[in-house]
Amino acid sequence: MLDTQEAEEDKQNVLVAKIDNVKNVSQLLKAVHFRESAMVVVTSDGLKVTVEDSKCVQANAFIQADMFQPFVLSEETLSFKINLSVLLDCLNIFGSGSTAGATTALKMCYAGEGHPLVIVSDCLREALAEMDVDCDVMELVFCPSPPRLQLSAVGAGMETKVEIGGDSELVELFQCPRTSSSRYRLAMMKLSGKPLAQSQKVSLRTDARGFLCLQYMIKTDDGHICFVEFFCSPEEE
């Protein structure tokens, strides 16, 4: 259920669409991915994604509105151009987790001309482990009210955002006395995500200067509990 702040943010968008399994979208887009650029036309029936090559070849992917819940469009027709390669990279972040049978929900928001297409997922593990968007920096934000952790990366007109609520079943303990925001090199964060596949629990901590500590609890095959730590320094402003 959306909290009050999220509902207010949704009102600022002309398109809000959520789907329970991101792979249902990525499979359709991969079928027409032979050029980087794509045109998206949104109506009450859903999304039509068109890819053309020199006016000689055209491919269309139709994503019906009833695949999404909810699907909210505040204008009769909406159209915008996207970098399909970057969009698929973002979807792969959310949908390529290694857990058998697991699905990842996806939420897409668009506020209109001049704004990026925003993609939001609530699954931290897959996002940290496999984030590889066409950008250099990732921002990490801790918010005390409502309690939540937000990770975002921006590049090539796309914004990838991951949010975890402090009351999420994924979170065992959330302590944040005040809002803090720090930026880190994405390549460095990708290295720190390698132990995620083996870890049972992950602890994220930052100090007043933005130095980040990630501690992973890993259980070995013989039952021993071990820990791995990564320390990341923030980007200078």
C-alpha atoms as a PDB file:
ATOM      1  CA  MET A   1       0.000   0.000   0.000  1.00  0.00           C
ATOM      2  CA  LEU A   2       1.334   3.417  -0.934  1.00  0.00           C
ATOM      3  CA  ASP A   3       2.181   5.738   1.935  1.00  0.00           C
ATOM      4  CA  THR A   4       0.901   9.327   1.976  1.00  0.00           C
ATOM      5  CA  GLN A   5       4.100  10.838   0.591  1.00  0.00           C
ATOM      6  CA  GLU A   6       4.255   8.352  -2.275  1.00  0.00           C
ATOM      7  CA  ALA A   7       0.615   9.023  -3.154  1.00  0.00           C
ATOM      8  CA  GLU A   8       1.290  12.765  -3.265  1.00  0.00           C
ATOM      9  CA  GLU A   9       4.312  12.203  -5.515  1.00  0.00           C
ATOM     10  CA  ASP A  10       2.192  10.059  -7.856  1.00  0.00           C
ATOM     11  CA  LYS A  11      -0.252  12.959  -8.347  1.00  0.00           C
ATOM     12  CA  GLN A  12       2.589  14.946  -9.955  1.00  0.00           C
ATOM     13  CA  ASN A  13       2.981  12.325 -12.694  1.00  0.00           C
ATOM     14  CA  VAL A  14       0.989  11.986 -15.908  1.00  0.00           C
ATOM     15  CA  LEU A  15       1.742   8.252 -15.979  1.00  0.00           C
ATOM     16  CA  VAL A  16       2.002   5.775 -13.107  1.00  0.00           C
ATOM     17  CA  ALA A  17       2.125   2.064 -13.916  1.00  0.00           C
ATOM     18  CA  LYS A  18       3.096  -0.880 -11.734  1.00  0.00           C
ATOM     19  CA  ILE A  19       3.605  -4.509 -12.705  1.00  0.00           C
ATOM     20  CA  ASP A  20       4.256  -7.478 -10.414  1.00  0.00           C
ATOM     21  CA  ASN A  21       6.831  -9.154 -12.657  1.00  0.00           C
ATOM     22  CA  VAL A  22       9.322  -6.943 -14.492  1.00  0.00           C
ATOM     23  CA  LYS A  23      10.299  -9.820 -16.823  1.00  0.00           C
ATOM     24  CA  ASN A  24       6.894  -9.593 -18.512  1.00  0.00           C
ATOM     25  CA  VAL A  25       7.926  -6.153 -19.790  1.00  0.00           C
ATOM     26  CA  SER A  26      11.601  -6.821 -20.508  1.00  0.00           C
ATOM     27  CA  GLN A  27      10.817  -9.884 -22.667  1.00  0.00           C
ATOM     28  CA  LEU A  28       8.584  -7.831 -24.952  1.00  0.00           C
ATOM     29  CA  LEU A  29      11.102  -4.997 -25.252  1.00  0.00           C
ATOM     30  CA  LYS A  30      13.987  -7.358 -26.010  1.00  0.00           C
ATOM     31  CA  ALA A  31      12.003  -8.691 -28.972  1.00  0.00           C
ATOM     32  CA  VAL A  32      12.144  -5.277 -30.706  1.00  0.00           C
ATOM     33  CA  HIS A  33      15.561  -4.147 -29.497  1.00  0.00           C
ATOM     34  CA  PHE A  34      17.581  -3.712 -32.683  1.00  0.00           C
ATOM     35  CA  ARG A  35      18.141   0.055 -32.327  1.00  0.00           C
ATOM     36  CA  GLU A  36      18.960   2.202 -29.292  1.00  0.00           C
ATOM     37  CA  SER A  37      16.119   4.684 -29.797  1.00  0.00           C
ATOM     38  CA  ALA A  38      12.433   3.861 -29.359  1.00  0.00           C
ATOM     39  CA  MET A  39       9.218   5.877 -29.379  1.00  0.00           C
ATOM     40  CA  VAL A  40       6.670   5.151 -26.658  1.00  0.00           C
ATOM     41  CA  VAL A  41       3.002   6.044 -27.159  1.00  0.00           C
ATOM     42  CA  VAL A  42       0.735   5.636 -24.136  1.00  0.00           C
ATOM     43  CA  THR A  43      -3.063   5.458 -24.292  1.00  0.00           C
ATOM     44  CA  SER A  44      -5.747   3.985 -22.056  1.00  0.00           C
ATOM     45  CA  ASP A  45      -5.102   0.666 -23.839  1.00  0.00           C
ATOM     46  CA  GLY A  46      -1.482   0.530 -22.683  1.00  0.00           C
ATOM     47  CA  LEU A  47       1.982   1.179 -24.121  1.00  0.00           C
ATOM     48  CA  LYS A  48       3.106   0.880 -27.740  1.00  0.00           C
ATOM     49  CA  VAL A  49       6.904   0.827 -28.139  1.00  0.00           C
ATOM     50  CA  THR A  50       8.088   1.459 -31.707  1.00  0.00           C
ATOM     51  CA  VAL A  51      11.606   0.879 -33.071  1.00  0.00           C
ATOM     52  CA  GLU A  52      12.566   1.903 -36.622  1.00  0.00           C
ATOM     53  CA  ASP A  53      15.650   1.532 -38.782  1.00  0.00           C
ATOM     54  CA  SER A  54      16.110   4.116 -41.565  1.00  0.00           C
ATOM     55  CA  LYS A  55      12.376   4.164 -42.330  1.00  0.00           C
ATOM     56  CA  CYS A  56      12.769   0.677 -43.822  1.00  0.00           C
ATOM     57  CA  VAL A  57      12.019  -1.572 -40.882  1.00  0.00           C
ATOM     58  CA  GLN A  58       9.594  -1.009 -38.021  1.00  0.00           C
ATOM     59  CA  ALA A  59       8.835  -3.172 -34.999  1.00  0.00           C
ATOM     60  CA  ASN A  60       6.147  -2.576 -32.393  1.00  0.00           C
ATOM     61  CA  ALA A  61       5.766  -4.055 -28.919  1.00  0.00           C
ATOM     62  CA  PHE A  62       2.327  -3.734 -27.307  1.00  0.00           C
ATOM     63  CA  ILE A  63       2.108  -3.818 -23.509  1.00  0.00           C
ATOM     64  CA  GLN A  64      -1.560  -3.909 -22.490  1.00  0.00           C
ATOM     65  CA  ALA A  65      -2.797  -1.698 -19.679  1.00  0.00           C
ATOM     66  CA  ASP A  66      -4.336  -4.677 -17.850  1.00  0.00           C
ATOM     67  CA  MET A  67      -0.826  -6.077 -17.313  1.00  0.00           C
ATOM     68  CA  PHE A  68      -0.315  -3.213 -14.834  1.00  0.00           C
ATOM     69  CA  GLN A  69      -1.996  -2.639 -11.483  1.00  0.00           C
ATOM     70  CA  PRO A  70      -2.470   0.243 -11.164  1.00  0.00           C
ATOM     71  CA  PHE A  71      -2.273   1.889 -14.601  1.00  0.00           C
ATOM     72  CA  VAL A  72      -2.991   5.622 -14.251  1.00  0.00           C
ATOM     73  CA  LEU A  73      -2.804   7.985 -17.243  1.00  0.00           C
ATOM     74  CA  SER A  74      -3.954  11.571 -16.686  1.00  0.00           C
ATOM     75  CA  GLU A  75      -3.812  12.570 -20.361  1.00  0.00           C
ATOM     76  CA  GLU A  76      -5.663  11.091 -23.333  1.00  0.00           C
ATOM     77  CA  THR A  77      -2.437  10.301 -25.197  1.00  0.00           C
ATOM     78  CA  LEU A  78       1.177  10.533 -24.140  1.00  0.00           C
ATOM     79  CA  SER A  79       4.327  10.053 -26.220  1.00  0.00           C
ATOM     80  CA  PHE A  80       8.032  10.267 -25.533  1.00  0.00           C
ATOM     81  CA  LYS A  81      11.333   8.991 -26.877  1.00  0.00           C
ATOM     82  CA  ILE A  82      13.588   6.701 -24.833  1.00  0.00           C
ATOM     83  CA  ASN A  83      16.982   5.041 -25.075  1.00  0.00           C
ATOM     84  CA  LEU A  84      15.815   1.422 -25.245  1.00  0.00           C
ATOM     85  CA  SER A  85      19.253   0.015 -24.430  1.00  0.00           C
ATOM     86  CA  VAL A  86      19.409   1.967 -21.173  1.00  0.00           C
ATOM     87  CA  LEU A  87      15.819   1.060 -20.301  1.00  0.00           C
ATOM     88  CA  LEU A  88      16.578  -2.643 -20.735  1.00  0.00           C
ATOM     89  CA  ASP A  89      19.696  -2.253 -18.569  1.00  0.00           C
ATOM     90  CA  CYS A  90      17.478  -0.779 -15.854  1.00  0.00           C
ATOM     91  CA  LEU A  91      14.920  -3.580 -16.161  1.00  0.00           C
ATOM     92  CA  ASN A  92      17.679  -6.189 -15.997  1.00  0.00           C
ATOM     93  CA  ILE A  93      18.813  -4.692 -12.695  1.00  0.00           C
ATOM     94  CA  PHE A  94      15.418  -5.447 -11.210  1.00  0.00           C
ATOM     95  CA  GLY A  95      14.507  -8.649 -12.983  1.00  0.00           C
ATOM     96  CA  SER A  96      17.639 -10.777 -13.227  1.00  0.00           C
ATOM     97  CA  GLY A  97      17.916 -11.979  -9.641  1.00  0.00           C
ATOM     98  CA  SER A  98      19.225 -15.487  -9.138  1.00  0.00           C
ATOM     99  CA  THR A  99      16.474 -16.760  -6.789  1.00  0.00           C
ATOM    100  CA  ALA A 100      14.509 -19.481  -8.581  1.00  0.00           C
ATOM    101  CA  GLY A 101      10.835 -18.635  -9.043  1.00  0.00           C
ATOM    102  CA  ALA A 102      11.249 -15.141  -7.601  1.00  0.00           C
ATOM    103  CA  THR A 103       9.649 -12.145  -9.280  1.00  0.00           C
ATOM    104  CA  THR A 104      10.386  -8.462  -8.881  1.00  0.00           C
ATOM    105  CA  ALA A 105       7.760  -5.715  -9.036  1.00  0.00           C
ATOM    106  CA  LEU A 106       8.341  -2.614 -11.142  1.00  0.00           C
ATOM    107  CA  LYS A 107       6.837   0.864 -11.024  1.00  0.00           C
ATOM    108  CA  MET A 108       7.188   3.378 -13.871  1.00  0.00           C
ATOM    109  CA  CYS A 109       6.453   7.094 -13.446  1.00  0.00           C
ATOM    110  CA  TYR A 110       6.575   9.930 -15.965  1.00  0.00           C
ATOM    111  CA  ALA A 111       5.901  13.572 -15.078  1.00  0.00           C
ATOM    112  CA  GLY A 112       5.712  14.878 -18.649  1.00  0.00           C
ATOM    113  CA  GLU A 113       7.911  16.563 -21.260  1.00  0.00           C
ATOM    114  CA  GLY A 114      11.336  17.514 -19.940  1.00  0.00           C
ATOM    115  CA  HIS A 115      11.285  14.894 -17.182  1.00  0.00           C
ATOM    116  CA  PRO A 116      12.992  11.485 -17.144  1.00  0.00           C
ATOM    117  CA  LEU A 117      11.147   8.179 -17.116  1.00  0.00           C
ATOM    118  CA  VAL A 118      11.545   7.029 -13.508  1.00  0.00           C
ATOM    119  CA  ILE A 119      11.789   3.330 -12.696  1.00  0.00           C
ATOM    120  CA  VAL A 120      11.302   2.253  -9.076  1.00  0.00           C
ATOM    121  CA  SER A 121      11.823  -1.253  -7.517  1.00  0.00           C
ATOM    122  CA  ASP A 122      11.564  -2.305  -3.900  1.00  0.00           C
ATOM    123  CA  CYS A 123      14.165  -5.091  -4.109  1.00  0.00           C
ATOM    124  CA  LEU A 124      17.496  -3.944  -2.688  1.00  0.00           C
ATOM    125  CA  ARG A 125      19.418  -7.181  -3.053  1.00  0.00           C
ATOM    126  CA  GLU A 126      19.092  -7.504  -6.847  1.00  0.00           C
ATOM    127  CA  ALA A 127      19.683  -3.799  -7.382  1.00  0.00           C
ATOM    128  CA  LEU A 128      22.906  -3.599  -5.382  1.00  0.00           C
ATOM    129  CA  ALA A 129      24.217  -6.877  -6.764  1.00  0.00           C
ATOM    130  CA  GLU A 130      23.709  -6.121 -10.445  1.00  0.00           C
ATOM    131  CA  MET A 131      23.419  -2.342 -10.894  1.00  0.00           C
ATOM    132  CA  ASP A 132      25.175  -1.471 -14.121  1.00  0.00           C
ATOM    133  CA  VAL A 133      23.449   1.604 -15.539  1.00  0.00           C
ATOM    134  CA  ASP A 134      25.054   3.968 -18.050  1.00  0.00           C
ATOM    135  CA  CYS A 135      26.223   6.432 -15.401  1.00  0.00           C
ATOM    136  CA  ASP A 136      29.165   6.971 -13.060  1.00  0.00           C
ATOM    137  CA  VAL A 137      27.667   7.914  -9.702  1.00  0.00           C
ATOM    138  CA  MET A 138      25.048   6.478  -7.377  1.00  0.00           C
ATOM    139  CA  GLU A 139      23.335   8.486  -4.644  1.00  0.00           C
ATOM    140  CA  LEU A 140      22.393   6.913  -1.323  1.00  0.00           C
ATOM    141  CA  VAL A 141      19.763   8.675   0.815  1.00  0.00           C
ATOM    142  CA  PHE A 142      18.557   7.747   4.308  1.00  0.00           C
ATOM    143  CA  CYS A 143      15.298   9.411   5.401  1.00  0.00           C
ATOM    144  CA  PRO A 144      13.861   9.277   8.948  1.00  0.00           C
ATOM    145  CA  SER A 145      10.254  10.188   8.037  1.00  0.00           C
ATOM    146  CA  PRO A 146       8.820   8.163   6.511  1.00  0.00           C
ATOM    147  CA  PRO A 147      11.676   5.763   7.280  1.00  0.00           C
ATOM    148  CA  ARG A 148      13.243   4.661   4.015  1.00  0.00           C
ATOM    149  CA  LEU A 149      16.447   4.020   2.134  1.00  0.00           C
ATOM    150  CA  GLN A 150      16.753   5.281  -1.432  1.00  0.00           C
ATOM    151  CA  LEU A 151      19.393   4.499  -4.061  1.00  0.00           C
ATOM    152  CA  SER A 152      19.374   6.278  -7.402  1.00  0.00           C
ATOM    153  CA  ALA A 153      21.522   6.474 -10.518  1.00  0.00           C
ATOM    154  CA  VAL A 154      20.965   8.852 -13.428  1.00  0.00           C
ATOM    155  CA  GLY A 155      22.258   8.572 -16.982  1.00  0.00           C
ATOM    156  CA  ALA A 156      21.252   9.070 -20.628  1.00  0.00           C
ATOM    157  CA  GLY A 157      17.848  10.528 -19.734  1.00  0.00           C
ATOM    158  CA  MET A 158      16.929   7.609 -17.462  1.00  0.00           C
ATOM    159  CA  GLU A 159      16.688   7.585 -13.695  1.00  0.00           C
ATOM    160  CA  THR A 160      16.938   4.295 -11.830  1.00  0.00           C
ATOM    161  CA  LYS A 161      15.613   4.448  -8.287  1.00  0.00           C
ATOM    162  CA  VAL A 162      15.421   1.781  -5.603  1.00  0.00           C
ATOM    163  CA  GLU A 163      13.486   2.426  -2.389  1.00  0.00           C
ATOM    164  CA  ILE A 164      13.193   0.285   0.735  1.00  0.00           C
ATOM    165  CA  GLY A 165      10.786   1.311   3.487  1.00  0.00           C
ATOM    166  CA  GLY A 166      12.017   1.167   7.059  1.00  0.00           C
ATOM    167  CA  ASP A 167       9.006  -1.028   7.875  1.00  0.00           C
ATOM    168  CA  SER A 168       9.642  -3.401   4.959  1.00  0.00           C
ATOM    169  CA  GLU A 169       9.869  -7.118   5.706  1.00  0.00           C
ATOM    170  CA  LEU A 170      13.364  -6.914   4.210  1.00  0.00           C
ATOM    171  CA  VAL A 171      14.486  -4.595   7.031  1.00  0.00           C
ATOM    172  CA  GLU A 172      15.300  -5.929  10.496  1.00  0.00           C
ATOM    173  CA  LEU A 173      16.400  -2.601  12.033  1.00  0.00           C
ATOM    174  CA  PHE A 174      16.285   0.969  10.685  1.00  0.00           C
ATOM    175  CA  GLN A 175      17.838   3.855  12.633  1.00  0.00           C
ATOM    176  CA  CYS A 176      18.149   7.308  11.056  1.00  0.00           C
ATOM    177  CA  PRO A 177      18.116  10.440  13.258  1.00  0.00           C
ATOM    178  CA  ARG A 178      18.201  12.822  10.286  1.00  0.00           C
ATOM    179  CA  THR A 179      18.183  12.781   6.484  1.00  0.00           C
ATOM    180  CA  SER A 180      21.588  12.095   4.963  1.00  0.00           C
ATOM    181  CA  SER A 181      22.622  11.996   1.328  1.00  0.00           C
ATOM    182  CA  SER A 182      25.933  10.896  -0.172  1.00  0.00           C
ATOM    183  CA  ARG A 183      27.174  10.043  -3.658  1.00  0.00           C
ATOM    184  CA  TYR A 184      29.518   7.169  -4.512  1.00  0.00           C
ATOM    185  CA  ARG A 185      31.303   5.918  -7.604  1.00  0.00           C
ATOM    186  CA  LEU A 186      29.060   3.288  -9.177  1.00  0.00           C
ATOM    187  CA  ALA A 187      32.020   1.059 -10.089  1.00  0.00           C
ATOM    188  CA  MET A 188      33.044   1.006  -6.425  1.00  0.00           C
ATOM    189  CA  MET A 189      29.522   0.152  -5.290  1.00  0.00           C
ATOM    190  CA  LYS A 190      29.356  -2.658  -7.820  1.00  0.00           C
ATOM    191  CA  LEU A 191      32.454  -4.223  -6.246  1.00  0.00           C
ATOM    192  CA  SER A 192      30.873  -4.017  -2.810  1.00  0.00           C
ATOM    193  CA  GLY A 193      27.841  -5.902  -4.120  1.00  0.00           C
ATOM    194  CA  LYS A 194      29.717  -9.108  -4.912  1.00  0.00           C
ATOM    195  CA  PRO A 195      29.181 -10.773  -1.482  1.00  0.00           C
ATOM    196  CA  LEU A 196      25.396 -10.291  -1.674  1.00  0.00           C
ATOM    197  CA  ALA A 197      24.745 -13.630  -3.341  1.00  0.00           C
ATOM    198  CA  GLN A 198      26.266 -15.477  -0.363  1.00  0.00           C
ATOM    199  CA  SER A 199      25.079 -13.226   2.468  1.00  0.00           C
ATOM    200  CA  GLN A 200      22.144 -13.859   4.788  1.00  0.00           C
ATOM    201  CA  LYS A 201      22.040 -10.329   6.197  1.00  0.00           C
ATOM    202  CA  VAL A 202      23.474  -6.976   5.136  1.00  0.00           C
ATOM    203  CA  SER A 203      24.174  -3.944   7.314  1.00  0.00           C
ATOM    204  CA  LEU A 204      24.536  -0.441   5.792  1.00  0.00           C
ATOM    205  CA  ARG A 205      25.945   2.375   7.934  1.00  0.00           C
ATOM    206  CA  THR A 206      27.128   5.896   7.164  1.00  0.00           C
ATOM    207  CA  ASP A 207      28.790   8.501   9.363  1.00  0.00           C
ATOM    208  CA  ALA A 208      28.427  12.286   9.341  1.00  0.00           C
ATOM    209  CA  ARG A 209      31.024  12.597   6.552  1.00  0.00           C
ATOM    210  CA  GLY A 210      29.223  10.111   4.296  1.00  0.00           C
ATOM    211  CA  PHE A 211      31.692   7.230   4.677  1.00  0.00           C
ATOM    212  CA  LEU A 212      29.744   4.042   3.976  1.00  0.00           C
ATOM    213  CA  CYS A 213      30.240   0.670   5.639  1.00  0.00           C
ATOM    214  CA  LEU A 214      28.584  -2.457   4.241  1.00  0.00           C
ATOM    215  CA  GLN A 215      28.831  -5.539   6.455  1.00  0.00           C
ATOM    216  CA  TYR A 216      27.706  -8.943   5.174  1.00  0.00           C
ATOM    217  CA  MET A 217      26.850 -11.934   7.372  1.00  0.00           C
ATOM    218  CA  ILE A 218      27.759 -15.138   5.526  1.00  0.00           C
ATOM    219  CA  LYS A 219      27.110 -18.703   6.662  1.00  0.00           C
ATOM    220  CA  THR A 220      29.698 -21.220   5.434  1.00  0.00           C
ATOM    221  CA  ASP A 221      28.892 -24.753   4.272  1.00  0.00           C
ATOM    222  CA  ASP A 222      30.002 -26.158   7.640  1.00  0.00           C
ATOM    223  CA  GLY A 223      27.673 -23.789   9.522  1.00  0.00           C
ATOM    224  CA  HIS A 224      30.131 -21.123  10.671  1.00  0.00           C
ATOM    225  CA  ILE A 225      28.968 -17.489  10.690  1.00  0.00           C
ATOM    226  CA  CYS A 226      31.529 -15.132   9.103  1.00  0.00           C
ATOM    227  CA  PHE A 227      31.543 -11.456   8.190  1.00  0.00           C
ATOM    228  CA  VAL A 228      32.810  -9.454   5.218  1.00  0.00           C
ATOM    229  CA  GLU A 229      33.097  -5.658   5.307  1.00  0.00           C
ATOM    230  CA  PHE A 230      33.446  -3.005   2.607  1.00  0.00           C
ATOM    231  CA  PHE A 231      34.191   0.672   3.287  1.00  0.00           C
ATOM    232  CA  CYS A 232      33.433   3.278   0.603  1.00  0.00           C
ATOM    233  CA  SER A 233      34.376   6.952   0.655  1.00  0.00           C
ATOM    234  CA  PRO A 234      31.887   9.474  -0.790  1.00  0.00           C
ATOM    235  CA  GLU A 235      32.460  11.603  -3.854  1.00  0.00           C
ATOM    236  CA  GLU A 236      33.696  15.111  -3.146  1.00  0.00           C
ATOM    237  CA  GLU A 237      31.087  17.811  -3.757  1.00  0.00           C
END
